[in-house]
Amino acid sequence: FEETYFPGDDATRMLYRSPAMWTVAPGNGHRFPPGEH
């Protein structure tokens, strides 16, 4: 999940295009293992 606010980015998709904001980050899967980054 990228905390950037350009159109189409994760954060703007979460805030303005998703009916359930909490689902966006887990729906993206992992970039790193938990606890390492």
PDB file of all heavy atoms in Angstrom:
ATOM      1  N   PHE A   1       0.851  -1.196   0.000  1.00  0.00           N
ATOM      2  CA  PHE A   1       0.000   0.000   0.000  1.00  0.00           C
ATOM      3  C   PHE A   1       0.881   1.238   0.000  1.00  0.00           C
ATOM      4  O   PHE A   1       1.727   1.400   0.880  1.00  0.00           O
ATOM      5  CB  PHE A   1      -0.906  -0.003   1.242  1.00  0.00           C
ATOM      6  CG  PHE A   1      -1.885   1.144   1.292  1.00  0.00           C
ATOM      7  CD1 PHE A   1      -3.171   0.994   0.806  1.00  0.00           C
ATOM      8  CD2 PHE A   1      -1.520   2.376   1.820  1.00  0.00           C
ATOM      9  CE1 PHE A   1      -4.077   2.048   0.841  1.00  0.00           C
ATOM     10  CE2 PHE A   1      -2.410   3.430   1.869  1.00  0.00           C
ATOM     11  CZ  PHE A   1      -3.698   3.265   1.375  1.00  0.00           C
ATOM     12  N   GLU A   2       0.688   2.110  -1.002  1.00  0.00           N
ATOM     13  CA  GLU A   2       1.487   3.337  -1.114  1.00  0.00           C
ATOM     14  C   GLU A   2       0.690   4.525  -0.589  1.00  0.00           C
ATOM     15  O   GLU A   2      -0.431   4.767  -1.041  1.00  0.00           O
ATOM     16  CB  GLU A   2       1.887   3.593  -2.569  1.00  0.00           C
ATOM     17  CG  GLU A   2       2.940   2.648  -3.106  1.00  0.00           C
ATOM     18  CD  GLU A   2       4.322   2.953  -2.538  1.00  0.00           C
ATOM     19  OE1 GLU A   2       4.515   4.069  -2.013  1.00  0.00           O
ATOM     20  OE2 GLU A   2       5.189   2.071  -2.623  1.00  0.00           O
ATOM     21  N   GLU A   3       1.278   5.262   0.343  1.00  0.00           N
ATOM     22  CA  GLU A   3       0.626   6.453   0.912  1.00  0.00           C
ATOM     23  C   GLU A   3       0.945   7.662   0.030  1.00  0.00           C
ATOM     24  O   GLU A   3       1.634   8.605   0.431  1.00  0.00           O
ATOM     25  CB  GLU A   3       1.093   6.674   2.344  1.00  0.00           C
ATOM     26  CG  GLU A   3       0.328   7.768   3.084  1.00  0.00           C
ATOM     27  CD  GLU A   3      -1.012   7.307   3.635  1.00  0.00           C
ATOM     28  OE1 GLU A   3      -1.301   6.095   3.603  1.00  0.00           O
ATOM     29  OE2 GLU A   3      -1.773   8.156   4.116  1.00  0.00           O
ATOM     30  N   THR A   4       0.451   7.644  -1.199  1.00  0.00           N
ATOM     31  CA  THR A   4       0.552   8.785  -2.105  1.00  0.00           C
ATOM     32  C   THR A   4      -0.850   9.116  -2.590  1.00  0.00           C
ATOM     33  O   THR A   4      -1.735   8.264  -2.587  1.00  0.00           O
ATOM     34  CB  THR A   4       1.479   8.489  -3.295  1.00  0.00           C
ATOM     35  OG1 THR A   4       1.047   7.276  -3.935  1.00  0.00           O
ATOM     36  CG2 THR A   4       2.922   8.335  -2.841  1.00  0.00           C
ATOM     37  N   TYR A   5      -1.039  10.354  -3.032  1.00  0.00           N
ATOM     38  CA  TYR A   5      -2.396  10.845  -3.257  1.00  0.00           C
ATOM     39  C   TYR A   5      -2.639  11.340  -4.679  1.00  0.00           C
ATOM     40  O   TYR A   5      -3.427  12.252  -4.888  1.00  0.00           O
ATOM     41  CB  TYR A   5      -2.713  11.944  -2.235  1.00  0.00           C
ATOM     42  CG  TYR A   5      -2.881  11.389  -0.845  1.00  0.00           C
ATOM     43  CD1 TYR A   5      -1.769  11.167  -0.038  1.00  0.00           C
ATOM     44  CD2 TYR A   5      -4.132  11.028  -0.369  1.00  0.00           C
ATOM     45  CE1 TYR A   5      -1.916  10.623   1.229  1.00  0.00           C
ATOM     46  CE2 TYR A   5      -4.284  10.484   0.893  1.00  0.00           C
ATOM     47  CZ  TYR A   5      -3.174  10.286   1.692  1.00  0.00           C
ATOM     48  OH  TYR A   5      -3.318   9.738   2.940  1.00  0.00           O
ATOM     49  N   PHE A   6      -1.994  10.718  -5.644  1.00  0.00           N
ATOM     50  CA  PHE A   6      -2.292  11.024  -7.029  1.00  0.00           C
ATOM     51  C   PHE A   6      -3.481  10.177  -7.479  1.00  0.00           C
ATOM     52  O   PHE A   6      -3.759   9.113  -6.918  1.00  0.00           O
ATOM     53  CB  PHE A   6      -1.070  10.747  -7.909  1.00  0.00           C
ATOM     54  CG  PHE A   6       0.067  11.685  -7.656  1.00  0.00           C
ATOM     55  CD1 PHE A   6       1.172  11.273  -6.926  1.00  0.00           C
ATOM     56  CD2 PHE A   6       0.032  12.987  -8.142  1.00  0.00           C
ATOM     57  CE1 PHE A   6       2.226  12.138  -6.681  1.00  0.00           C
ATOM     58  CE2 PHE A   6       1.073  13.859  -7.897  1.00  0.00           C
ATOM     59  CZ  PHE A   6       2.178  13.447  -7.169  1.00  0.00           C
ATOM     60  N   PRO A   7      -4.207  10.642  -8.493  1.00  0.00           N
ATOM     61  CA  PRO A   7      -5.346   9.849  -8.981  1.00  0.00           C
ATOM     62  C   PRO A   7      -4.931   8.425  -9.339  1.00  0.00           C
ATOM     63  O   PRO A   7      -3.929   8.207 -10.005  1.00  0.00           O
ATOM     64  CB  PRO A   7      -5.797  10.631 -10.226  1.00  0.00           C
ATOM     65  CG  PRO A   7      -5.368  12.039  -9.952  1.00  0.00           C
ATOM     66  CD  PRO A   7      -4.068  11.919  -9.206  1.00  0.00           C
ATOM     67  N   GLY A   8      -5.722   7.469  -8.874  1.00  0.00           N
ATOM     68  CA  GLY A   8      -5.445   6.067  -9.146  1.00  0.00           C
ATOM     69  C   GLY A   8      -4.535   5.396  -8.146  1.00  0.00           C
ATOM     70  O   GLY A   8      -4.389   4.169  -8.177  1.00  0.00           O
ATOM     71  N   ASP A   9      -3.889   6.165  -7.248  1.00  0.00           N
ATOM     72  CA  ASP A   9      -3.014   5.568  -6.244  1.00  0.00           C
ATOM     73  C   ASP A   9      -3.841   4.851  -5.185  1.00  0.00           C
ATOM     74  O   ASP A   9      -5.053   5.026  -5.076  1.00  0.00           O
ATOM     75  CB  ASP A   9      -2.146   6.648  -5.580  1.00  0.00           C
ATOM     76  CG  ASP A   9      -1.061   7.156  -6.508  1.00  0.00           C
ATOM     77  OD1 ASP A   9      -0.901   6.582  -7.599  1.00  0.00           O
ATOM     78  OD2 ASP A   9      -0.376   8.135  -6.143  1.00  0.00           O
ATOM     79  N   ASP A  10      -3.147   4.067  -4.359  1.00  0.00           N
ATOM     80  CA  ASP A  10      -3.845   3.285  -3.336  1.00  0.00           C
ATOM     81  C   ASP A  10      -4.685   4.158  -2.413  1.00  0.00           C
ATOM     82  O   ASP A  10      -5.838   3.839  -2.104  1.00  0.00           O
ATOM     83  CB  ASP A  10      -2.825   2.488  -2.505  1.00  0.00           C
ATOM     84  CG  ASP A  10      -2.138   1.399  -3.310  1.00  0.00           C
ATOM     85  OD1 ASP A  10      -2.772   0.834  -4.216  1.00  0.00           O
ATOM     86  OD2 ASP A  10      -0.966   1.121  -3.022  1.00  0.00           O
ATOM     87  N   ALA A  11      -4.096   5.265  -1.942  1.00  0.00           N
ATOM     88  CA  ALA A  11      -4.792   6.094  -0.951  1.00  0.00           C
ATOM     89  C   ALA A  11      -6.038   6.745  -1.534  1.00  0.00           C
ATOM     90  O   ALA A  11      -7.102   6.763  -0.889  1.00  0.00           O
ATOM     91  CB  ALA A  11      -3.851   7.154  -0.394  1.00  0.00           C
ATOM     92  N   THR A  12      -5.948   7.285  -2.758  1.00  0.00           N
ATOM     93  CA  THR A  12      -7.121   7.926  -3.349  1.00  0.00           C
ATOM     94  C   THR A  12      -8.161   6.888  -3.756  1.00  0.00           C
ATOM     95  O   THR A  12      -9.368   7.138  -3.666  1.00  0.00           O
ATOM     96  CB  THR A  12      -6.723   8.785  -4.558  1.00  0.00           C
ATOM     97  OG1 THR A  12      -5.908   8.009  -5.450  1.00  0.00           O
ATOM     98  CG2 THR A  12      -5.954  10.005  -4.122  1.00  0.00           C
ATOM     99  N   ARG A  13      -7.729   5.712  -4.176  1.00  0.00           N
ATOM    100  CA  ARG A  13      -8.680   4.636  -4.481  1.00  0.00           C
ATOM    101  C   ARG A  13      -9.409   4.222  -3.205  1.00  0.00           C
ATOM    102  O   ARG A  13     -10.619   3.970  -3.227  1.00  0.00           O
ATOM    103  CB  ARG A  13      -7.931   3.456  -5.089  1.00  0.00           C
ATOM    104  CG  ARG A  13      -8.809   2.248  -5.406  1.00  0.00           C
ATOM    105  CD  ARG A  13      -8.071   1.293  -6.336  1.00  0.00           C
ATOM    106  NE  ARG A  13      -6.810   0.849  -5.773  1.00  0.00           N
ATOM    107  CZ  ARG A  13      -6.664  -0.230  -5.020  1.00  0.00           C
ATOM    108  NH1 ARG A  13      -7.717  -0.977  -4.724  1.00  0.00           N
ATOM    109  NH2 ARG A  13      -5.477  -0.583  -4.573  1.00  0.00           N
ATOM    110  N   MET A  14      -8.678   4.155  -2.103  1.00  0.00           N
ATOM    111  CA  MET A  14      -9.278   3.795  -0.825  1.00  0.00           C
ATOM    112  C   MET A  14     -10.294   4.847  -0.376  1.00  0.00           C
ATOM    113  O   MET A  14     -11.413   4.523   0.051  1.00  0.00           O
ATOM    114  CB  MET A  14      -8.183   3.640   0.240  1.00  0.00           C
ATOM    115  CG  MET A  14      -8.685   3.343   1.637  1.00  0.00           C
ATOM    116  SD  MET A  14      -7.327   3.281   2.845  1.00  0.00           S
ATOM    117  CE  MET A  14      -6.868   5.033   2.912  1.00  0.00           C
ATOM    118  N   LEU A  15      -9.929   6.115  -0.481  1.00  0.00           N
ATOM    119  CA  LEU A  15     -10.764   7.187   0.058  1.00  0.00           C
ATOM    120  C   LEU A  15     -11.967   7.518  -0.819  1.00  0.00           C
ATOM    121  O   LEU A  15     -13.040   7.846  -0.300  1.00  0.00           O
ATOM    122  CB  LEU A  15      -9.918   8.453   0.237  1.00  0.00           C
ATOM    123  CG  LEU A  15      -8.836   8.396   1.313  1.00  0.00           C
ATOM    124  CD1 LEU A  15      -7.944   9.626   1.222  1.00  0.00           C
ATOM    125  CD2 LEU A  15      -9.456   8.297   2.689  1.00  0.00           C
ATOM    126  N   TYR A  16     -11.802   7.462  -2.134  1.00  0.00           N
ATOM    127  CA  TYR A  16     -12.830   7.997  -3.025  1.00  0.00           C
ATOM    128  C   TYR A  16     -13.476   6.983  -3.956  1.00  0.00           C
ATOM    129  O   TYR A  16     -14.452   7.304  -4.630  1.00  0.00           O
ATOM    130  CB  TYR A  16     -12.231   9.133  -3.865  1.00  0.00           C
ATOM    131  CG  TYR A  16     -11.643  10.219  -3.022  1.00  0.00           C
ATOM    132  CD1 TYR A  16     -10.276  10.466  -3.014  1.00  0.00           C
ATOM    133  CD2 TYR A  16     -12.444  10.999  -2.186  1.00  0.00           C
ATOM    134  CE1 TYR A  16      -9.728  11.466  -2.217  1.00  0.00           C
ATOM    135  CE2 TYR A  16     -11.907  11.986  -1.392  1.00  0.00           C
ATOM    136  CZ  TYR A  16     -10.543  12.213  -1.414  1.00  0.00           C
ATOM    137  OH  TYR A  16     -10.006  13.186  -0.615  1.00  0.00           O
ATOM    138  N   ARG A  17     -12.961   5.747  -4.010  1.00  0.00           N
ATOM    139  CA  ARG A  17     -13.506   4.806  -4.974  1.00  0.00           C
ATOM    140  C   ARG A  17     -13.892   3.467  -4.344  1.00  0.00           C
ATOM    141  O   ARG A  17     -14.400   2.593  -5.030  1.00  0.00           O
ATOM    142  CB  ARG A  17     -12.502   4.569  -6.108  1.00  0.00           C
ATOM    143  CG  ARG A  17     -12.019   5.860  -6.764  1.00  0.00           C
ATOM    144  CD  ARG A  17     -11.158   5.572  -7.982  1.00  0.00           C
ATOM    145  NE  ARG A  17     -11.960   5.030  -9.057  1.00  0.00           N
ATOM    146  CZ  ARG A  17     -11.484   4.201  -9.987  1.00  0.00           C
ATOM    147  NH1 ARG A  17     -10.229   3.801  -9.929  1.00  0.00           N
ATOM    148  NH2 ARG A  17     -12.263   3.768 -10.949  1.00  0.00           N
ATOM    149  N   SER A  18     -13.628   3.294  -3.060  1.00  0.00           N
ATOM    150  CA  SER A  18     -13.909   2.011  -2.416  1.00  0.00           C
ATOM    151  C   SER A  18     -15.076   2.144  -1.441  1.00  0.00           C
ATOM    152  O   SER A  18     -15.057   3.013  -0.568  1.00  0.00           O
ATOM    153  CB  SER A  18     -12.672   1.504  -1.664  1.00  0.00           C
ATOM    154  OG  SER A  18     -12.991   0.333  -0.942  1.00  0.00           O
ATOM    155  N   PRO A  19     -16.089   1.282  -1.550  1.00  0.00           N
ATOM    156  CA  PRO A  19     -17.209   1.342  -0.592  1.00  0.00           C
ATOM    157  C   PRO A  19     -16.841   0.808   0.788  1.00  0.00           C
ATOM    158  O   PRO A  19     -17.581   1.014   1.745  1.00  0.00           O
ATOM    159  CB  PRO A  19     -18.279   0.472  -1.261  1.00  0.00           C
ATOM    160  CG  PRO A  19     -17.517  -0.472  -2.125  1.00  0.00           C
ATOM    161  CD  PRO A  19     -16.313   0.281  -2.604  1.00  0.00           C
ATOM    162  N   ALA A  20     -15.714   0.105   0.905  1.00  0.00           N
ATOM    163  CA  ALA A  20     -15.245  -0.406   2.201  1.00  0.00           C
ATOM    164  C   ALA A  20     -13.742  -0.164   2.268  1.00  0.00           C
ATOM    165  O   ALA A  20     -12.943  -0.975   1.782  1.00  0.00           O
ATOM    166  CB  ALA A  20     -15.566  -1.883   2.354  1.00  0.00           C
ATOM    167  N   MET A  21     -13.340   0.957   2.860  1.00  0.00           N
ATOM    168  CA  MET A  21     -11.941   1.375   2.809  1.00  0.00           C
ATOM    169  C   MET A  21     -10.996   0.375   3.446  1.00  0.00           C
ATOM    170  O   MET A  21      -9.848   0.235   3.026  1.00  0.00           O
ATOM    171  CB  MET A  21     -11.781   2.756   3.462  1.00  0.00           C
ATOM    172  CG  MET A  21     -12.395   3.889   2.661  1.00  0.00           C
ATOM    173  SD  MET A  21     -11.876   5.519   3.241  1.00  0.00           S
ATOM    174  CE  MET A  21     -12.674   5.575   4.825  1.00  0.00           C
ATOM    175  N   TRP A  22     -11.455  -0.351   4.463  1.00  0.00           N
ATOM    176  CA  TRP A  22     -10.570  -1.257   5.186  1.00  0.00           C
ATOM    177  C   TRP A  22     -10.104  -2.422   4.319  1.00  0.00           C
ATOM    178  O   TRP A  22      -9.104  -3.073   4.638  1.00  0.00           O
ATOM    179  CB  TRP A  22     -11.264  -1.779   6.439  1.00  0.00           C
ATOM    180  CG  TRP A  22     -12.409  -2.727   6.187  1.00  0.00           C
ATOM    181  CD1 TRP A  22     -13.721  -2.397   6.011  1.00  0.00           C
ATOM    182  CD2 TRP A  22     -12.342  -4.156   6.092  1.00  0.00           C
ATOM    183  NE1 TRP A  22     -14.473  -3.517   5.806  1.00  0.00           N
ATOM    184  CE2 TRP A  22     -13.659  -4.614   5.853  1.00  0.00           C
ATOM    185  CE3 TRP A  22     -11.322  -5.082   6.184  1.00  0.00           C
ATOM    186  CZ2 TRP A  22     -13.979  -5.954   5.703  1.00  0.00           C
ATOM    187  CZ3 TRP A  22     -11.626  -6.437   6.028  1.00  0.00           C
ATOM    188  CH2 TRP A  22     -12.932  -6.860   5.793  1.00  0.00           C
ATOM    189  N   THR A  23     -10.789  -2.693   3.207  1.00  0.00           N
ATOM    190  CA  THR A  23     -10.446  -3.843   2.374  1.00  0.00           C
ATOM    191  C   THR A  23      -9.303  -3.568   1.401  1.00  0.00           C
ATOM    192  O   THR A  23      -8.748  -4.520   0.834  1.00  0.00           O
ATOM    193  CB  THR A  23     -11.661  -4.302   1.553  1.00  0.00           C
ATOM    194  OG1 THR A  23     -12.037  -3.260   0.627  1.00  0.00           O
ATOM    195  CG2 THR A  23     -12.852  -4.602   2.463  1.00  0.00           C
ATOM    196  N   VAL A  24      -8.952  -2.310   1.166  1.00  0.00           N
ATOM    197  CA  VAL A  24      -7.998  -1.991   0.099  1.00  0.00           C
ATOM    198  C   VAL A  24      -6.603  -2.526   0.398  1.00  0.00           C
ATOM    199  O   VAL A  24      -5.988  -3.203  -0.435  1.00  0.00           O
ATOM    200  CB  VAL A  24      -7.963  -0.472  -0.147  1.00  0.00           C
ATOM    201  CG1 VAL A  24      -6.835  -0.112  -1.118  1.00  0.00           C
ATOM    202  CG2 VAL A  24      -9.306  -0.002  -0.711  1.00  0.00           C
ATOM    203  N   ALA A  25      -6.064  -2.237   1.580  1.00  0.00           N
ATOM    204  CA  ALA A  25      -4.693  -2.669   1.888  1.00  0.00           C
ATOM    205  C   ALA A  25      -4.558  -4.196   1.894  1.00  0.00           C
ATOM    206  O   ALA A  25      -3.646  -4.729   1.237  1.00  0.00           O
ATOM    207  CB  ALA A  25      -4.240  -2.069   3.224  1.00  0.00           C
ATOM    208  N   PRO A  26      -5.415  -4.940   2.600  1.00  0.00           N
ATOM    209  CA  PRO A  26      -5.255  -6.401   2.552  1.00  0.00           C
ATOM    210  C   PRO A  26      -5.501  -6.970   1.158  1.00  0.00           C
ATOM    211  O   PRO A  26      -4.917  -7.991   0.789  1.00  0.00           O
ATOM    212  CB  PRO A  26      -6.279  -6.920   3.559  1.00  0.00           C
ATOM    213  CG  PRO A  26      -7.271  -5.814   3.704  1.00  0.00           C
ATOM    214  CD  PRO A  26      -6.496  -4.550   3.527  1.00  0.00           C
ATOM    215  N   GLY A  27      -6.343  -6.297   0.361  1.00  0.00           N
ATOM    216  CA  GLY A  27      -6.601  -6.768  -0.992  1.00  0.00           C
ATOM    217  C   GLY A  27      -5.398  -6.655  -1.902  1.00  0.00           C
ATOM    218  O   GLY A  27      -5.336  -7.330  -2.938  1.00  0.00           O
ATOM    219  N   ASN A  28      -4.428  -5.811  -1.530  1.00  0.00           N
ATOM    220  CA  ASN A  28      -3.215  -5.649  -2.339  1.00  0.00           C
ATOM    221  C   ASN A  28      -2.180  -6.739  -2.089  1.00  0.00           C
ATOM    222  O   ASN A  28      -1.211  -6.853  -2.841  1.00  0.00           O
ATOM    223  CB  ASN A  28      -2.571  -4.284  -2.065  1.00  0.00           C
ATOM    224  CG  ASN A  28      -3.346  -3.145  -2.691  1.00  0.00           C
ATOM    225  OD1 ASN A  28      -4.298  -3.357  -3.429  1.00  0.00           O
ATOM    226  ND2 ASN A  28      -2.944  -1.921  -2.387  1.00  0.00           N
ATOM    227  N   GLY A  29      -2.338  -7.486  -0.999  1.00  0.00           N
ATOM    228  CA  GLY A  29      -1.333  -8.491  -0.666  1.00  0.00           C
ATOM    229  C   GLY A  29      -0.075  -7.856  -0.091  1.00  0.00           C
ATOM    230  O   GLY A  29      -0.052  -6.679   0.250  1.00  0.00           O
ATOM    231  N   HIS A  30       0.989  -8.635   0.002  1.00  0.00           N
ATOM    232  CA  HIS A  30       2.217  -8.201   0.666  1.00  0.00           C
ATOM    233  C   HIS A  30       3.307  -7.797  -0.321  1.00  0.00           C
ATOM    234  O   HIS A  30       3.456  -8.395  -1.389  1.00  0.00           O
ATOM    235  CB  HIS A  30       2.773  -9.320   1.563  1.00  0.00           C
ATOM    236  CG  HIS A  30       2.018  -9.499   2.837  1.00  0.00           C
ATOM    237  ND1 HIS A  30       2.273  -8.761   3.965  1.00  0.00           N
ATOM    238  CD2 HIS A  30       0.995 -10.329   3.145  1.00  0.00           C
ATOM    239  CE1 HIS A  30       1.454  -9.142   4.928  1.00  0.00           C
ATOM    240  NE2 HIS A  30       0.663 -10.087   4.458  1.00  0.00           N
ATOM    241  N   ARG A  31       4.072  -6.789   0.077  1.00  0.00           N
ATOM    242  CA  ARG A  31       5.329  -6.458  -0.597  1.00  0.00           C
ATOM    243  C   ARG A  31       6.514  -6.963   0.219  1.00  0.00           C
ATOM    244  O   ARG A  31       7.558  -7.306  -0.315  1.00  0.00           O
ATOM    245  CB  ARG A  31       5.452  -4.952  -0.797  1.00  0.00           C
ATOM    246  CG  ARG A  31       6.706  -4.549  -1.562  1.00  0.00           C
ATOM    247  CD  ARG A  31       6.842  -3.036  -1.673  1.00  0.00           C
ATOM    248  NE  ARG A  31       5.737  -2.458  -2.410  1.00  0.00           N
ATOM    249  CZ  ARG A  31       5.614  -1.141  -2.641  1.00  0.00           C
ATOM    250  NH1 ARG A  31       6.523  -0.301  -2.151  1.00  0.00           N
ATOM    251  NH2 ARG A  31       4.585  -0.679  -3.327  1.00  0.00           N
ATOM    252  N   PHE A  32       6.323  -6.960   1.555  1.00  0.00           N
ATOM    253  CA  PHE A  32       7.352  -7.447   2.485  1.00  0.00           C
ATOM    254  C   PHE A  32       6.692  -8.367   3.501  1.00  0.00           C
ATOM    255  O   PHE A  32       5.498  -8.245   3.780  1.00  0.00           O
ATOM    256  CB  PHE A  32       8.032  -6.283   3.225  1.00  0.00           C
ATOM    257  CG  PHE A  32       8.650  -5.243   2.342  1.00  0.00           C
ATOM    258  CD1 PHE A  32       7.956  -4.081   2.025  1.00  0.00           C
ATOM    259  CD2 PHE A  32       9.925  -5.423   1.828  1.00  0.00           C
ATOM    260  CE1 PHE A  32       8.527  -3.115   1.215  1.00  0.00           C
ATOM    261  CE2 PHE A  32      10.497  -4.466   1.013  1.00  0.00           C
ATOM    262  CZ  PHE A  32       9.804  -3.315   0.706  1.00  0.00           C
ATOM    263  N   PRO A  33       7.453  -9.258   4.119  1.00  0.00           N
ATOM    264  CA  PRO A  33       6.901 -10.047   5.221  1.00  0.00           C
ATOM    265  C   PRO A  33       6.559  -9.143   6.401  1.00  0.00           C
ATOM    266  O   PRO A  33       7.202  -8.103   6.603  1.00  0.00           O
ATOM    267  CB  PRO A  33       8.048 -11.008   5.573  1.00  0.00           C
ATOM    268  CG  PRO A  33       8.915 -11.038   4.361  1.00  0.00           C
ATOM    269  CD  PRO A  33       8.815  -9.683   3.744  1.00  0.00           C
ATOM    270  N   PRO A  34       5.562  -9.475   7.203  1.00  0.00           N
ATOM    271  CA  PRO A  34       5.196  -8.654   8.362  1.00  0.00           C
ATOM    272  C   PRO A  34       6.370  -8.475   9.319  1.00  0.00           C
ATOM    273  O   PRO A  34       7.138  -9.404   9.563  1.00  0.00           O
ATOM    274  CB  PRO A  34       4.065  -9.451   9.018  1.00  0.00           C
ATOM    275  CG  PRO A  34       3.527 -10.315   7.940  1.00  0.00           C
ATOM    276  CD  PRO A  34       4.683 -10.649   7.062  1.00  0.00           C
ATOM    277  N   GLY A  35       6.501  -7.256   9.843  1.00  0.00           N
ATOM    278  CA  GLY A  35       7.505  -6.970  10.863  1.00  0.00           C
ATOM    279  C   GLY A  35       8.889  -6.635  10.343  1.00  0.00           C
ATOM    280  O   GLY A  35       9.786  -6.354  11.137  1.00  0.00           O
ATOM    281  N   GLU A  36       9.094  -6.597   9.029  1.00  0.00           N
ATOM    282  CA  GLU A  36      10.436  -6.370   8.489  1.00  0.00           C
ATOM    283  C   GLU A  36      10.631  -5.004   7.849  1.00  0.00           C
ATOM    284  O   GLU A  36      11.762  -4.621   7.568  1.00  0.00           O
ATOM    285  CB  GLU A  36      10.770  -7.457   7.456  1.00  0.00           C
ATOM    286  CG  GLU A  36      10.887  -8.847   8.037  1.00  0.00           C
ATOM    287  CD  GLU A  36      11.392  -9.855   7.028  1.00  0.00           C
ATOM    288  OE1 GLU A  36      11.745  -9.427   5.891  1.00  0.00           O
ATOM    289  OE2 GLU A  36      11.446 -11.048   7.368  1.00  0.00           O
ATOM    290  N   HIS A  37       9.536  -4.257   7.620  1.00  0.00           N
ATOM    291  CA  HIS A  37       9.674  -2.993   6.888  1.00  0.00           C
ATOM    292  C   HIS A  37       8.621  -2.009   7.376  1.00  0.00           C
ATOM    293  O   HIS A  37       7.431  -2.334   7.424  1.00  0.00           O
ATOM    294  CB  HIS A  37       9.515  -3.245   5.384  1.00  0.00           C
ATOM    295  CG  HIS A  37       9.640  -2.012   4.545  1.00  0.00           C
ATOM    296  ND1 HIS A  37      10.853  -1.478   4.189  1.00  0.00           N
ATOM    297  CD2 HIS A  37       8.695  -1.209   3.987  1.00  0.00           C
ATOM    298  CE1 HIS A  37      10.659  -0.400   3.445  1.00  0.00           C
ATOM    299  NE2 HIS A  37       9.355  -0.215   3.313  1.00  0.00           N
TER     300      HIS A  37
END
